[in-house]
Each structure stands twice: as C-alpha cells, then as structure tokens.
Amino acid sequence: MQDIPLPSADDLSALLAEIAAARMPYGMYGPKNFPPDGCPLSDLPTEYLDWFWQRGWPKGKLGQLMEQALLIKNSGLDRL
C-alpha cells in the first residue's frame, strides 16, 4: 500500500483560500439567486455538492474546486 502524500500547510492554506474565493457561476447558487457573483463554493450545501458528485463535476478548475470542497466538508474540515 502506497502512502498518499499530504499537502504542505502552505498548499492546504492556498487551496482553502481558493475555494473560499471561488463563486458558483450558474445554477441555483449562481449570480441570479446570489448576486452579484454567486455563492462562494465554501458555502455550498453538501447536498448540492453531492448532486454533482453523483452526476459528474463541471469541467475544469470549477469542478476540481467543488470536488475538493466536498471532500473537505465530508471530512469535517470545513471549519478551517
């Protein structure tokens, strides 16, 4: 069994900051319902992120950040 490398504290801090700064650009948590820029990814409900997990993440950086946000929430680290 291979050990999974842990991110450095700086890398984790940068990831958390990036998730907190990113906004949901469309859908029920997009700018239409959460003006002017959409809901921060860090504030998206777990159920909403689970929906994407089951049906597929958006392409690109948005999907990667949403997936990381769900992993953080599911592990109880979202209070960081």
PDB file of N, CA and C in Angstrom:
ATOM      1  N   MET A   1       0.839  -1.178   0.000  1.00  0.00           N
ATOM      2  CA  MET A   1       0.000   0.000   0.000  1.00  0.00           C
ATOM      3  C   MET A   1       0.884   1.242   0.000  1.00  0.00           C
ATOM      4  N   GLN A   2       0.624   2.134  -0.934  1.00  0.00           N
ATOM      5  CA  GLN A   2       1.414   3.354  -1.024  1.00  0.00           C
ATOM      6  C   GLN A   2       0.815   4.435  -0.135  1.00  0.00           C
ATOM      7  N   ASP A   3       1.703   5.195   0.494  1.00  0.00           N
ATOM      8  CA  ASP A   3       1.250   6.338   1.273  1.00  0.00           C
ATOM      9  C   ASP A   3       0.880   7.468   0.323  1.00  0.00           C
ATOM     10  N   ILE A   4      -0.232   8.104   0.611  1.00  0.00           N
ATOM     11  CA  ILE A   4      -0.651   9.257  -0.173  1.00  0.00           C
ATOM     12  C   ILE A   4       0.063  10.473   0.393  1.00  0.00           C
ATOM     13  N   PRO A   5       0.779  11.203  -0.446  1.00  0.00           N
ATOM     14  CA  PRO A   5       1.499  12.373   0.071  1.00  0.00           C
ATOM     15  C   PRO A   5       0.522  13.434   0.570  1.00  0.00           C
ATOM     16  N   LEU A   6       0.810  13.959   1.737  1.00  0.00           N
ATOM     17  CA  LEU A   6      -0.019  15.013   2.301  1.00  0.00           C
ATOM     18  C   LEU A   6       0.447  16.369   1.782  1.00  0.00           C
ATOM     19  N   PRO A   7      -0.496  17.268   1.552  1.00  0.00           N
ATOM     20  CA  PRO A   7      -0.088  18.602   1.105  1.00  0.00           C
ATOM     21  C   PRO A   7       0.593  19.354   2.237  1.00  0.00           C
ATOM     22  N   SER A   8       1.443  20.262   1.870  1.00  0.00           N
ATOM     23  CA  SER A   8       2.086  21.102   2.881  1.00  0.00           C
ATOM     24  C   SER A   8       1.037  22.051   3.466  1.00  0.00           C
ATOM     25  N   ALA A   9       1.357  22.638   4.598  1.00  0.00           N
ATOM     26  CA  ALA A   9       0.444  23.593   5.226  1.00  0.00           C
ATOM     27  C   ALA A   9       0.182  24.774   4.297  1.00  0.00           C
ATOM     28  N   ASP A  10       1.205  25.208   3.583  1.00  0.00           N
ATOM     29  CA  ASP A  10       1.040  26.324   2.646  1.00  0.00           C
ATOM     30  C   ASP A  10       0.119  25.949   1.490  1.00  0.00           C
ATOM     31  N   ASP A  11       0.286  24.723   0.965  1.00  0.00           N
ATOM     32  CA  ASP A  11      -0.568  24.267  -0.132  1.00  0.00           C
ATOM     33  C   ASP A  11      -2.021  24.146   0.322  1.00  0.00           C
ATOM     34  N   LEU A  12      -2.230  23.608   1.519  1.00  0.00           N
ATOM     35  CA  LEU A  12      -3.582  23.464   2.046  1.00  0.00           C
ATOM     36  C   LEU A  12      -4.214  24.832   2.283  1.00  0.00           C
ATOM     37  N   SER A  13      -3.449  25.737   2.823  1.00  0.00           N
ATOM     38  CA  SER A  13      -3.943  27.095   3.059  1.00  0.00           C
ATOM     39  C   SER A  13      -4.332  27.765   1.745  1.00  0.00           C
ATOM     40  N   ALA A  14      -3.510  27.596   0.724  1.00  0.00           N
ATOM     41  CA  ALA A  14      -3.799  28.180  -0.590  1.00  0.00           C
ATOM     42  C   ALA A  14      -5.064  27.565  -1.191  1.00  0.00           C
ATOM     43  N   LEU A  15      -5.234  26.247  -1.043  1.00  0.00           N
ATOM     44  CA  LEU A  15      -6.427  25.575  -1.565  1.00  0.00           C
ATOM     45  C   LEU A  15      -7.676  26.091  -0.865  1.00  0.00           C
ATOM     46  N   LEU A  16      -7.631  26.197   0.453  1.00  0.00           N
ATOM     47  CA  LEU A  16      -8.785  26.689   1.202  1.00  0.00           C
ATOM     48  C   LEU A  16      -9.135  28.122   0.798  1.00  0.00           C
ATOM     49  N   ALA A  17      -8.127  28.948   0.600  1.00  0.00           N
ATOM     50  CA  ALA A  17      -8.365  30.329   0.173  1.00  0.00           C
ATOM     51  C   ALA A  17      -8.974  30.370  -1.226  1.00  0.00           C
ATOM     52  N   GLU A  18      -8.509  29.494  -2.101  1.00  0.00           N
ATOM     53  CA  GLU A  18      -9.029  29.457  -3.471  1.00  0.00           C
ATOM     54  C   GLU A  18     -10.489  29.005  -3.485  1.00  0.00           C
ATOM     55  N   ILE A  19     -10.826  28.007  -2.667  1.00  0.00           N
ATOM     56  CA  ILE A  19     -12.210  27.543  -2.574  1.00  0.00           C
ATOM     57  C   ILE A  19     -13.101  28.646  -2.013  1.00  0.00           C
ATOM     58  N   ALA A  20     -12.630  29.338  -0.985  1.00  0.00           N
ATOM     59  CA  ALA A  20     -13.417  30.412  -0.371  1.00  0.00           C
ATOM     60  C   ALA A  20     -13.628  31.584  -1.327  1.00  0.00           C
ATOM     61  N   ALA A  21     -12.668  31.840  -2.197  1.00  0.00           N
ATOM     62  CA  ALA A  21     -12.768  32.969  -3.129  1.00  0.00           C
ATOM     63  C   ALA A  21     -13.584  32.633  -4.375  1.00  0.00           C
ATOM     64  N   ALA A  22     -13.645  31.350  -4.746  1.00  0.00           N
ATOM     65  CA  ALA A  22     -14.349  30.944  -5.965  1.00  0.00           C
ATOM     66  C   ALA A  22     -15.859  31.022  -5.749  1.00  0.00           C
ATOM     67  N   ARG A  23     -16.574  31.397  -6.785  1.00  0.00           N
ATOM     68  CA  ARG A  23     -18.030  31.553  -6.734  1.00  0.00           C
ATOM     69  C   ARG A  23     -18.701  30.615  -7.720  1.00  0.00           C
ATOM     70  N   MET A  24     -19.912  30.195  -7.380  1.00  0.00           N
ATOM     71  CA  MET A  24     -20.697  29.349  -8.266  1.00  0.00           C
ATOM     72  C   MET A  24     -21.238  30.226  -9.392  1.00  0.00           C
ATOM     73  N   PRO A  25     -20.823  29.967 -10.643  1.00  0.00           N
ATOM     74  CA  PRO A  25     -21.173  30.878 -11.734  1.00  0.00           C
ATOM     75  C   PRO A  25     -22.549  30.643 -12.366  1.00  0.00           C
ATOM     76  N   TYR A  26     -23.249  29.578 -11.998  1.00  0.00           N
ATOM     77  CA  TYR A  26     -24.542  29.276 -12.624  1.00  0.00           C
ATOM     78  C   TYR A  26     -25.376  28.410 -11.688  1.00  0.00           C
ATOM     79  N   GLY A  27     -26.597  28.137 -12.111  1.00  0.00           N
ATOM     80  CA  GLY A  27     -27.474  27.258 -11.349  1.00  0.00           C
ATOM     81  C   GLY A  27     -28.133  27.962 -10.169  1.00  0.00           C
ATOM     82  N   MET A  28     -28.724  27.168  -9.304  1.00  0.00           N
ATOM     83  CA  MET A  28     -29.492  27.721  -8.185  1.00  0.00           C
ATOM     84  C   MET A  28     -28.637  28.522  -7.206  1.00  0.00           C
ATOM     85  N   TYR A  29     -27.334  28.323  -7.214  1.00  0.00           N
ATOM     86  CA  TYR A  29     -26.433  29.084  -6.346  1.00  0.00           C
ATOM     87  C   TYR A  29     -25.585  30.082  -7.133  1.00  0.00           C
ATOM     88  N   GLY A  30     -26.003  30.340  -8.362  1.00  0.00           N
ATOM     89  CA  GLY A  30     -25.299  31.293  -9.211  1.00  0.00           C
ATOM     90  C   GLY A  30     -25.712  32.732  -8.937  1.00  0.00           C
ATOM     91  N   PRO A  31     -25.210  33.657  -9.743  1.00  0.00           N
ATOM     92  CA  PRO A  31     -25.446  35.088  -9.538  1.00  0.00           C
ATOM     93  C   PRO A  31     -26.922  35.506  -9.546  1.00  0.00           C
ATOM     94  N   LYS A  32     -27.766  34.776 -10.253  1.00  0.00           N
ATOM     95  CA  LYS A  32     -29.184  35.143 -10.301  1.00  0.00           C
ATOM     96  C   LYS A  32     -29.798  35.116  -8.903  1.00  0.00           C
ATOM     97  N   ASN A  33     -29.460  34.105  -8.115  1.00  0.00           N
ATOM     98  CA  ASN A  33     -30.018  33.963  -6.773  1.00  0.00           C
ATOM     99  C   ASN A  33     -29.082  34.457  -5.675  1.00  0.00           C
ATOM    100  N   PHE A  34     -27.810  34.631  -5.995  1.00  0.00           N
ATOM    101  CA  PHE A  34     -26.798  35.103  -5.041  1.00  0.00           C
ATOM    102  C   PHE A  34     -25.966  36.204  -5.692  1.00  0.00           C
ATOM    103  N   PRO A  35     -26.622  37.355  -5.948  1.00  0.00           N
ATOM    104  CA  PRO A  35     -25.895  38.435  -6.614  1.00  0.00           C
ATOM    105  C   PRO A  35     -24.800  39.007  -5.729  1.00  0.00           C
ATOM    106  N   PRO A  36     -23.788  39.606  -6.280  1.00  0.00           N
ATOM    107  CA  PRO A  36     -23.622  39.797  -7.719  1.00  0.00           C
ATOM    108  C   PRO A  36     -22.809  38.694  -8.383  1.00  0.00           C
ATOM    109  N   ASP A  37     -22.083  37.867  -7.600  1.00  0.00           N
ATOM    110  CA  ASP A  37     -21.129  36.923  -8.199  1.00  0.00           C
ATOM    111  C   ASP A  37     -21.463  35.455  -7.998  1.00  0.00           C
ATOM    112  N   GLY A  38     -22.514  35.129  -7.277  1.00  0.00           N
ATOM    113  CA  GLY A  38     -22.819  33.744  -6.965  1.00  0.00           C
ATOM    114  C   GLY A  38     -22.335  33.386  -5.569  1.00  0.00           C
ATOM    115  N   CYS A  39     -22.780  32.257  -5.103  1.00  0.00           N
ATOM    116  CA  CYS A  39     -22.442  31.776  -3.763  1.00  0.00           C
ATOM    117  C   CYS A  39     -20.987  31.291  -3.720  1.00  0.00           C
ATOM    118  N   PRO A  40     -20.250  31.612  -2.657  1.00  0.00           N
ATOM    119  CA  PRO A  40     -18.898  31.053  -2.527  1.00  0.00           C
ATOM    120  C   PRO A  40     -18.958  29.524  -2.488  1.00  0.00           C
ATOM    121  N   LEU A  41     -18.031  28.865  -3.137  1.00  0.00           N
ATOM    122  CA  LEU A  41     -18.025  27.400  -3.147  1.00  0.00           C
ATOM    123  C   LEU A  41     -17.967  26.834  -1.737  1.00  0.00           C
ATOM    124  N   SER A  42     -17.286  27.522  -0.846  1.00  0.00           N
ATOM    125  CA  SER A  42     -17.165  27.034   0.529  1.00  0.00           C
ATOM    126  C   SER A  42     -18.497  27.065   1.270  1.00  0.00           C
ATOM    127  N   ASP A  43     -19.474  27.825   0.765  1.00  0.00           N
ATOM    128  CA  ASP A  43     -20.786  27.917   1.406  1.00  0.00           C
ATOM    129  C   ASP A  43     -21.842  27.045   0.744  1.00  0.00           C
ATOM    130  N   LEU A  44     -21.479  26.342  -0.321  1.00  0.00           N
ATOM    131  CA  LEU A  44     -22.455  25.476  -0.980  1.00  0.00           C
ATOM    132  C   LEU A  44     -22.854  24.340  -0.044  1.00  0.00           C
ATOM    133  N   PRO A  45     -24.152  23.999  -0.004  1.00  0.00           N
ATOM    134  CA  PRO A  45     -24.583  22.889   0.844  1.00  0.00           C
ATOM    135  C   PRO A  45     -23.993  21.559   0.366  1.00  0.00           C
ATOM    136  N   THR A  46     -23.750  20.689   1.312  1.00  0.00           N
ATOM    137  CA  THR A  46     -23.204  19.366   0.990  1.00  0.00           C
ATOM    138  C   THR A  46     -24.114  18.629   0.015  1.00  0.00           C
ATOM    139  N   GLU A  47     -25.426  18.768   0.182  1.00  0.00           N
ATOM    140  CA  GLU A  47     -26.377  18.081  -0.695  1.00  0.00           C
ATOM    141  C   GLU A  47     -26.215  18.524  -2.149  1.00  0.00           C
ATOM    142  N   TYR A  48     -25.948  19.794  -2.354  1.00  0.00           N
ATOM    143  CA  TYR A  48     -25.745  20.319  -3.704  1.00  0.00           C
ATOM    144  C   TYR A  48     -24.466  19.747  -4.305  1.00  0.00           C
ATOM    145  N   LEU A  49     -23.402  19.704  -3.517  1.00  0.00           N
ATOM    146  CA  LEU A  49     -22.139  19.128  -3.988  1.00  0.00           C
ATOM    147  C   LEU A  49     -22.284  17.629  -4.229  1.00  0.00           C
ATOM    148  N   ASP A  50     -23.054  16.948  -3.380  1.00  0.00           N
ATOM    149  CA  ASP A  50     -23.317  15.517  -3.578  1.00  0.00           C
ATOM    150  C   ASP A  50     -24.017  15.263  -4.907  1.00  0.00           C
ATOM    151  N   TRP A  51     -24.930  16.166  -5.276  1.00  0.00           N
ATOM    152  CA  TRP A  51     -25.639  16.030  -6.538  1.00  0.00           C
ATOM    153  C   TRP A  51     -24.639  16.003  -7.696  1.00  0.00           C
ATOM    154  N   PHE A  52     -23.671  16.905  -7.675  1.00  0.00           N
ATOM    155  CA  PHE A  52     -22.644  16.931  -8.722  1.00  0.00           C
ATOM    156  C   PHE A  52     -21.749  15.698  -8.639  1.00  0.00           C
ATOM    157  N   TRP A  53     -21.440  15.250  -7.432  1.00  0.00           N
ATOM    158  CA  TRP A  53     -20.605  14.053  -7.266  1.00  0.00           C
ATOM    159  C   TRP A  53     -21.267  12.852  -7.937  1.00  0.00           C
ATOM    160  N   GLN A  54     -22.591  12.746  -7.797  1.00  0.00           N
ATOM    161  CA  GLN A  54     -23.326  11.624  -8.382  1.00  0.00           C
ATOM    162  C   GLN A  54     -23.476  11.740  -9.896  1.00  0.00           C
ATOM    163  N   ARG A  55     -23.574  12.952 -10.409  1.00  0.00           N
ATOM    164  CA  ARG A  55     -23.870  13.158 -11.827  1.00  0.00           C
ATOM    165  C   ARG A  55     -22.690  13.632 -12.659  1.00  0.00           C
ATOM    166  N   GLY A  56     -21.626  14.002 -11.983  1.00  0.00           N
ATOM    167  CA  GLY A  56     -20.434  14.456 -12.692  1.00  0.00           C
ATOM    168  C   GLY A  56     -20.123  15.909 -12.395  1.00  0.00           C
ATOM    169  N   TRP A  57     -18.856  16.165 -12.156  1.00  0.00           N
ATOM    170  CA  TRP A  57     -18.389  17.509 -11.837  1.00  0.00           C
ATOM    171  C   TRP A  57     -18.298  18.344 -13.100  1.00  0.00           C
ATOM    172  N   PRO A  58     -18.467  19.655 -12.982  1.00  0.00           N
ATOM    173  CA  PRO A  58     -18.210  20.519 -14.134  1.00  0.00           C
ATOM    174  C   PRO A  58     -16.752  20.356 -14.585  1.00  0.00           C
ATOM    175  N   LYS A  59     -16.515  20.610 -15.821  1.00  0.00           N
ATOM    176  CA  LYS A  59     -15.157  20.514 -16.363  1.00  0.00           C
ATOM    177  C   LYS A  59     -14.279  21.638 -15.824  1.00  0.00           C
ATOM    178  N   GLY A  60     -12.997  21.367 -15.759  1.00  0.00           N
ATOM    179  CA  GLY A  60     -12.033  22.404 -15.429  1.00  0.00           C
ATOM    180  C   GLY A  60     -11.861  22.670 -13.948  1.00  0.00           C
ATOM    181  N   LYS A  61     -11.346  23.852 -13.680  1.00  0.00           N
ATOM    182  CA  LYS A  61     -10.986  24.264 -12.320  1.00  0.00           C
ATOM    183  C   LYS A  61     -12.199  24.293 -11.394  1.00  0.00           C
ATOM    184  N   LEU A  62     -13.356  24.737 -11.908  1.00  0.00           N
ATOM    185  CA  LEU A  62     -14.564  24.796 -11.086  1.00  0.00           C
ATOM    186  C   LEU A  62     -14.900  23.420 -10.526  1.00  0.00           C
ATOM    187  N   GLY A  63     -14.902  22.411 -11.370  1.00  0.00           N
ATOM    188  CA  GLY A  63     -15.202  21.054 -10.918  1.00  0.00           C
ATOM    189  C   GLY A  63     -14.185  20.544  -9.913  1.00  0.00           C
ATOM    190  N   GLN A  64     -12.918  20.850 -10.146  1.00  0.00           N
ATOM    191  CA  GLN A  64     -11.868  20.429  -9.210  1.00  0.00           C
ATOM    192  C   GLN A  64     -12.065  21.072  -7.842  1.00  0.00           C
ATOM    193  N   LEU A  65     -12.371  22.360  -7.827  1.00  0.00           N
ATOM    194  CA  LEU A  65     -12.568  23.059  -6.557  1.00  0.00           C
ATOM    195  C   LEU A  65     -13.831  22.580  -5.846  1.00  0.00           C
ATOM    196  N   MET A  66     -14.893  22.316  -6.601  1.00  0.00           N
ATOM    197  CA  MET A  66     -16.120  21.798  -5.994  1.00  0.00           C
ATOM    198  C   MET A  66     -15.881  20.426  -5.374  1.00  0.00           C
ATOM    199  N   GLU A  67     -15.127  19.587  -6.068  1.00  0.00           N
ATOM    200  CA  GLU A  67     -14.814  18.260  -5.531  1.00  0.00           C
ATOM    201  C   GLU A  67     -13.995  18.373  -4.246  1.00  0.00           C
ATOM    202  N   GLN A  68     -13.020  19.255  -4.244  1.00  0.00           N
ATOM    203  CA  GLN A  68     -12.213  19.460  -3.038  1.00  0.00           C
ATOM    204  C   GLN A  68     -13.069  20.019  -1.902  1.00  0.00           C
ATOM    205  N   ALA A  69     -13.999  20.918  -2.222  1.00  0.00           N
ATOM    206  CA  ALA A  69     -14.896  21.474  -1.202  1.00  0.00           C
ATOM    207  C   ALA A  69     -15.724  20.367  -0.560  1.00  0.00           C
ATOM    208  N   LEU A  70     -16.214  19.432  -1.371  1.00  0.00           N
ATOM    209  CA  LEU A  70     -16.993  18.318  -0.823  1.00  0.00           C
ATOM    210  C   LEU A  70     -16.132  17.424   0.058  1.00  0.00           C
ATOM    211  N   LEU A  71     -14.926  17.116  -0.380  1.00  0.00           N
ATOM    212  CA  LEU A  71     -14.032  16.285   0.433  1.00  0.00           C
ATOM    213  C   LEU A  71     -13.742  16.949   1.777  1.00  0.00           C
ATOM    214  N   ILE A  72     -13.531  18.243   1.752  1.00  0.00           N
ATOM    215  CA  ILE A  72     -13.251  18.984   2.990  1.00  0.00           C
ATOM    216  C   ILE A  72     -14.471  18.958   3.909  1.00  0.00           C
ATOM    217  N   LYS A  73     -15.655  19.194   3.346  1.00  0.00           N
ATOM    218  CA  LYS A  73     -16.877  19.179   4.154  1.00  0.00           C
ATOM    219  C   LYS A  73     -17.140  17.786   4.723  1.00  0.00           C
ATOM    220  N   ASN A  74     -16.983  16.755   3.906  1.00  0.00           N
ATOM    221  CA  ASN A  74     -17.260  15.390   4.361  1.00  0.00           C
ATOM    222  C   ASN A  74     -16.283  14.909   5.423  1.00  0.00           C
ATOM    223  N   SER A  75     -15.098  15.472   5.452  1.00  0.00           N
ATOM    224  CA  SER A  75     -14.116  15.069   6.464  1.00  0.00           C
ATOM    225  C   SER A  75     -14.197  15.943   7.714  1.00  0.00           C
ATOM    226  N   GLY A  76     -15.130  16.900   7.718  1.00  0.00           N
ATOM    227  CA  GLY A  76     -15.314  17.749   8.883  1.00  0.00           C
ATOM    228  C   GLY A  76     -14.300  18.865   9.015  1.00  0.00           C
ATOM    229  N   LEU A  77     -13.574  19.140   7.944  1.00  0.00           N
ATOM    230  CA  LEU A  77     -12.534  20.171   7.995  1.00  0.00           C
ATOM    231  C   LEU A  77     -13.010  21.527   7.485  1.00  0.00           C
ATOM    232  N   ASP A  78     -14.302  21.657   7.221  1.00  0.00           N
ATOM    233  CA  ASP A  78     -14.796  22.905   6.641  1.00  0.00           C
ATOM    234  C   ASP A  78     -14.765  24.079   7.607  1.00  0.00           C
ATOM    235  N   ARG A  79     -14.483  23.844   8.856  1.00  0.00           N
ATOM    236  CA  ARG A  79     -14.368  24.949   9.815  1.00  0.00           C
ATOM    237  C   ARG A  79     -12.996  25.604   9.764  1.00  0.00           C
ATOM    238  N   LEU A  80     -12.078  25.017   8.998  1.00  0.00           N
ATOM    239  CA  LEU A  80     -10.744  25.613   8.879  1.00  0.00           C
ATOM    240  C   LEU A  80     -10.864  26.900   8.195  1.00  0.00           C
TER     241      LEU A  80
END
